[in-house]
Amino acid sequence: MNDNRSIEQMRNLGPRCAEWLAQIEIYDEAGLRAIGAAGAYRELVVRGIVQPHRMLLYALGGALLDRSCMSLSRAEKRELEELAES
């Protein structure tokens, strides 16, 4: 997998997500992978960039797995939720 993809090139993510993530200095897959989906989500919420919304959390998690967020299992979603809350 090429971790030099831009945010917009990643599955589930588009221009709006790229704008939000840029505000926390995440510009590509490597940057997102470094902080993790839950870490990025938590930072976006804490800074008030986005309102809490689980689908964004799942989209970020799915992007790192290169899978549709709709394909995440309940266990995978629960793990993301737990990580985002810690």
N, C-alpha and C. Protein backbone atom coordinates (compact mmCIF):
# COMPACT_ATOMS: atom_id res chain seq x y z
N MET A 1 0.85 -1.18 0.00
CA MET A 1 0.00 0.00 0.00
C MET A 1 0.89 1.24 0.00
N ASN A 2 0.56 2.21 -0.81
CA ASN A 2 1.32 3.45 -0.90
C ASN A 2 0.83 4.41 0.17
N ASP A 3 1.64 4.67 1.21
CA ASP A 3 1.18 5.56 2.27
C ASP A 3 1.53 7.02 1.98
N ASN A 4 1.87 7.32 0.73
CA ASN A 4 2.08 8.70 0.34
C ASN A 4 0.86 9.28 -0.37
N ARG A 5 -0.26 8.56 -0.32
CA ARG A 5 -1.48 9.07 -0.95
C ARG A 5 -1.96 10.31 -0.21
N SER A 6 -2.55 11.22 -0.95
CA SER A 6 -3.18 12.37 -0.31
C SER A 6 -4.45 11.88 0.38
N ILE A 7 -4.96 12.67 1.29
CA ILE A 7 -6.19 12.31 1.99
C ILE A 7 -7.32 12.07 0.98
N GLU A 8 -7.43 12.91 -0.03
CA GLU A 8 -8.51 12.77 -1.00
C GLU A 8 -8.40 11.49 -1.83
N GLN A 9 -7.24 10.91 -1.91
CA GLN A 9 -7.06 9.67 -2.67
C GLN A 9 -7.43 8.44 -1.84
N MET A 10 -7.64 8.61 -0.56
CA MET A 10 -7.95 7.48 0.32
C MET A 10 -9.44 7.15 0.26
N ARG A 11 -9.74 5.88 0.42
CA ARG A 11 -11.13 5.42 0.42
C ARG A 11 -11.90 6.12 1.55
N ASN A 12 -13.14 6.46 1.31
CA ASN A 12 -14.07 7.08 2.26
C ASN A 12 -13.85 8.57 2.50
N LEU A 13 -12.72 9.11 2.08
CA LEU A 13 -12.38 10.50 2.41
C LEU A 13 -12.40 11.36 1.16
N GLY A 14 -12.78 12.60 1.33
CA GLY A 14 -12.85 13.50 0.20
C GLY A 14 -12.34 14.87 0.56
N PRO A 15 -12.69 15.87 -0.25
CA PRO A 15 -12.17 17.22 -0.04
C PRO A 15 -12.50 17.81 1.33
N ARG A 16 -13.68 17.58 1.81
CA ARG A 16 -14.04 18.15 3.10
C ARG A 16 -13.19 17.53 4.22
N CYS A 17 -13.03 16.23 4.22
CA CYS A 17 -12.18 15.56 5.22
C CYS A 17 -10.74 16.07 5.09
N ALA A 18 -10.28 16.25 3.87
CA ALA A 18 -8.93 16.76 3.66
C ALA A 18 -8.77 18.14 4.29
N GLU A 19 -9.78 19.00 4.14
CA GLU A 19 -9.75 20.34 4.75
C GLU A 19 -9.69 20.24 6.27
N TRP A 20 -10.54 19.40 6.84
CA TRP A 20 -10.56 19.24 8.30
C TRP A 20 -9.22 18.73 8.80
N LEU A 21 -8.70 17.69 8.16
CA LEU A 21 -7.45 17.08 8.61
C LEU A 21 -6.28 18.04 8.43
N ALA A 22 -6.30 18.86 7.41
CA ALA A 22 -5.23 19.84 7.21
C ALA A 22 -5.17 20.81 8.39
N GLN A 23 -6.31 21.07 9.01
CA GLN A 23 -6.34 21.97 10.16
C GLN A 23 -5.61 21.39 11.37
N ILE A 24 -5.40 20.08 11.37
CA ILE A 24 -4.61 19.47 12.45
C ILE A 24 -3.30 18.90 11.88
N GLU A 25 -2.90 19.48 10.74
CA GLU A 25 -1.62 19.18 10.09
C GLU A 25 -1.46 17.73 9.65
N ILE A 26 -2.54 17.16 9.15
CA ILE A 26 -2.50 15.84 8.53
C ILE A 26 -2.84 16.06 7.06
N TYR A 27 -1.88 15.71 6.20
CA TYR A 27 -2.02 16.01 4.78
C TYR A 27 -2.03 14.77 3.89
N ASP A 28 -1.64 13.63 4.46
CA ASP A 28 -1.55 12.43 3.64
C ASP A 28 -1.75 11.18 4.50
N GLU A 29 -1.72 10.05 3.83
CA GLU A 29 -1.96 8.79 4.53
C GLU A 29 -0.94 8.55 5.64
N ALA A 30 0.31 8.88 5.38
CA ALA A 30 1.35 8.67 6.39
C ALA A 30 1.04 9.48 7.66
N GLY A 31 0.59 10.70 7.48
CA GLY A 31 0.25 11.54 8.62
C GLY A 31 -0.93 10.99 9.39
N LEU A 32 -1.94 10.50 8.68
CA LEU A 32 -3.11 9.92 9.33
C LEU A 32 -2.72 8.62 10.04
N ARG A 33 -1.90 7.83 9.40
CA ARG A 33 -1.48 6.56 9.99
C ARG A 33 -0.67 6.82 11.28
N ALA A 34 0.12 7.88 11.30
CA ALA A 34 0.96 8.19 12.46
C ALA A 34 0.12 8.49 13.72
N ILE A 35 -0.97 9.21 13.56
CA ILE A 35 -1.81 9.55 14.71
C ILE A 35 -2.93 8.52 14.91
N GLY A 36 -3.30 7.83 13.84
CA GLY A 36 -4.38 6.85 13.91
C GLY A 36 -5.74 7.48 13.69
N ALA A 37 -6.67 6.67 13.27
CA ALA A 37 -8.03 7.17 12.99
C ALA A 37 -8.67 7.77 14.23
N ALA A 38 -8.59 7.05 15.34
CA ALA A 38 -9.23 7.52 16.57
C ALA A 38 -8.56 8.79 17.08
N GLY A 39 -7.24 8.86 16.99
CA GLY A 39 -6.52 10.05 17.43
C GLY A 39 -6.87 11.27 16.61
N ALA A 40 -6.94 11.09 15.29
CA ALA A 40 -7.30 12.20 14.41
C ALA A 40 -8.74 12.65 14.69
N TYR A 41 -9.63 11.69 14.82
CA TYR A 41 -11.04 12.01 15.10
C TYR A 41 -11.15 12.80 16.41
N ARG A 42 -10.49 12.29 17.44
CA ARG A 42 -10.55 12.94 18.76
C ARG A 42 -10.03 14.37 18.67
N GLU A 43 -8.93 14.57 17.96
CA GLU A 43 -8.36 15.91 17.81
C GLU A 43 -9.31 16.84 17.06
N LEU A 44 -9.95 16.34 16.02
CA LEU A 44 -10.92 17.15 15.27
C LEU A 44 -12.08 17.59 16.15
N VAL A 45 -12.55 16.69 17.00
CA VAL A 45 -13.68 17.00 17.88
C VAL A 45 -13.25 17.96 18.99
N VAL A 46 -12.13 17.66 19.64
CA VAL A 46 -11.65 18.49 20.75
C VAL A 46 -11.40 19.93 20.31
N ARG A 47 -10.86 20.08 19.12
CA ARG A 47 -10.57 21.43 18.62
C ARG A 47 -11.81 22.13 18.06
N GLY A 48 -12.93 21.43 18.02
CA GLY A 48 -14.17 22.03 17.53
C GLY A 48 -14.24 22.15 16.02
N ILE A 49 -13.41 21.42 15.32
CA ILE A 49 -13.40 21.46 13.86
C ILE A 49 -14.62 20.71 13.31
N VAL A 50 -14.99 19.63 13.98
CA VAL A 50 -16.18 18.87 13.61
C VAL A 50 -17.00 18.56 14.86
N GLN A 51 -18.26 18.31 14.65
CA GLN A 51 -19.12 17.81 15.72
C GLN A 51 -18.92 16.31 15.82
N PRO A 52 -19.07 15.73 17.00
CA PRO A 52 -18.92 14.27 17.11
C PRO A 52 -19.90 13.55 16.17
N HIS A 53 -19.37 12.63 15.40
CA HIS A 53 -20.20 11.85 14.48
C HIS A 53 -19.48 10.54 14.20
N ARG A 54 -20.05 9.45 14.60
CA ARG A 54 -19.38 8.16 14.47
C ARG A 54 -19.05 7.79 13.04
N MET A 55 -19.85 8.22 12.08
CA MET A 55 -19.55 7.86 10.69
C MET A 55 -18.21 8.44 10.24
N LEU A 56 -17.85 9.62 10.74
CA LEU A 56 -16.53 10.17 10.41
C LEU A 56 -15.45 9.29 11.02
N LEU A 57 -15.64 8.86 12.25
CA LEU A 57 -14.69 7.96 12.89
C LEU A 57 -14.53 6.68 12.08
N TYR A 58 -15.64 6.10 11.65
CA TYR A 58 -15.59 4.87 10.86
C TYR A 58 -14.95 5.11 9.49
N ALA A 59 -15.22 6.27 8.89
CA ALA A 59 -14.62 6.60 7.59
C ALA A 59 -13.11 6.67 7.71
N LEU A 60 -12.62 7.30 8.77
CA LEU A 60 -11.18 7.39 8.99
C LEU A 60 -10.57 6.02 9.22
N GLY A 61 -11.24 5.21 10.03
CA GLY A 61 -10.76 3.86 10.29
C GLY A 61 -10.74 3.01 9.04
N GLY A 62 -11.81 3.08 8.26
CA GLY A 62 -11.87 2.33 7.02
C GLY A 62 -10.82 2.80 6.03
N ALA A 63 -10.56 4.10 6.00
CA ALA A 63 -9.55 4.63 5.08
C ALA A 63 -8.18 4.01 5.35
N LEU A 64 -7.83 3.86 6.62
CA LEU A 64 -6.54 3.28 6.96
C LEU A 64 -6.48 1.78 6.64
N LEU A 65 -7.64 1.14 6.59
CA LEU A 65 -7.70 -0.27 6.23
C LEU A 65 -7.94 -0.46 4.73
N ASP A 66 -8.14 0.65 4.01
CA ASP A 66 -8.47 0.65 2.58
C ASP A 66 -9.74 -0.16 2.33
N ARG A 67 -10.73 0.07 3.20
CA ARG A 67 -12.02 -0.61 3.10
C ARG A 67 -13.14 0.40 3.27
N SER A 68 -14.27 0.08 2.72
CA SER A 68 -15.45 0.90 2.92
C SER A 68 -15.79 0.93 4.41
N CYS A 69 -16.17 2.10 4.90
CA CYS A 69 -16.55 2.19 6.32
C CYS A 69 -17.78 1.33 6.60
N MET A 70 -18.55 1.04 5.57
CA MET A 70 -19.75 0.22 5.75
C MET A 70 -19.39 -1.25 5.97
N SER A 71 -18.16 -1.64 5.64
CA SER A 71 -17.76 -3.03 5.78
C SER A 71 -17.13 -3.34 7.14
N LEU A 72 -16.94 -2.31 7.97
CA LEU A 72 -16.34 -2.55 9.28
C LEU A 72 -17.28 -3.38 10.14
N SER A 73 -16.71 -4.33 10.84
CA SER A 73 -17.53 -5.16 11.73
C SER A 73 -17.91 -4.36 12.97
N ARG A 74 -18.89 -4.84 13.68
CA ARG A 74 -19.29 -4.17 14.92
C ARG A 74 -18.11 -4.12 15.89
N ALA A 75 -17.32 -5.18 15.95
CA ALA A 75 -16.14 -5.21 16.83
C ALA A 75 -15.12 -4.15 16.42
N GLU A 76 -14.90 -3.98 15.12
CA GLU A 76 -13.96 -2.96 14.66
C GLU A 76 -14.47 -1.57 14.99
N LYS A 77 -15.77 -1.35 14.83
CA LYS A 77 -16.36 -0.06 15.17
C LYS A 77 -16.24 0.21 16.66
N ARG A 78 -16.52 -0.80 17.46
CA ARG A 78 -16.43 -0.66 18.92
C ARG A 78 -15.00 -0.33 19.34
N GLU A 79 -14.02 -0.99 18.70
CA GLU A 79 -12.62 -0.70 19.02
C GLU A 79 -12.27 0.74 18.69
N LEU A 80 -12.71 1.23 17.53
CA LEU A 80 -12.47 2.63 17.18
C LEU A 80 -13.12 3.57 18.19
N GLU A 81 -14.34 3.26 18.59
CA GLU A 81 -15.05 4.11 19.55
C GLU A 81 -14.30 4.15 20.88
N GLU A 82 -13.82 2.99 21.33
CA GLU A 82 -13.08 2.94 22.60
C GLU A 82 -11.78 3.73 22.52
N LEU A 83 -11.07 3.61 21.40
CA LEU A 83 -9.83 4.36 21.23
C LEU A 83 -10.09 5.86 21.17
N ALA A 84 -11.19 6.24 20.53
CA ALA A 84 -11.52 7.67 20.40
C ALA A 84 -11.89 8.28 21.75
N GLU A 85 -12.40 7.47 22.65
CA GLU A 85 -12.81 7.97 23.96
C GLU A 85 -11.65 8.02 24.96
N SER A 86 -10.55 7.32 24.67
CA SER A 86 -9.45 7.28 25.63
C SER A 86 -8.50 8.44 25.50
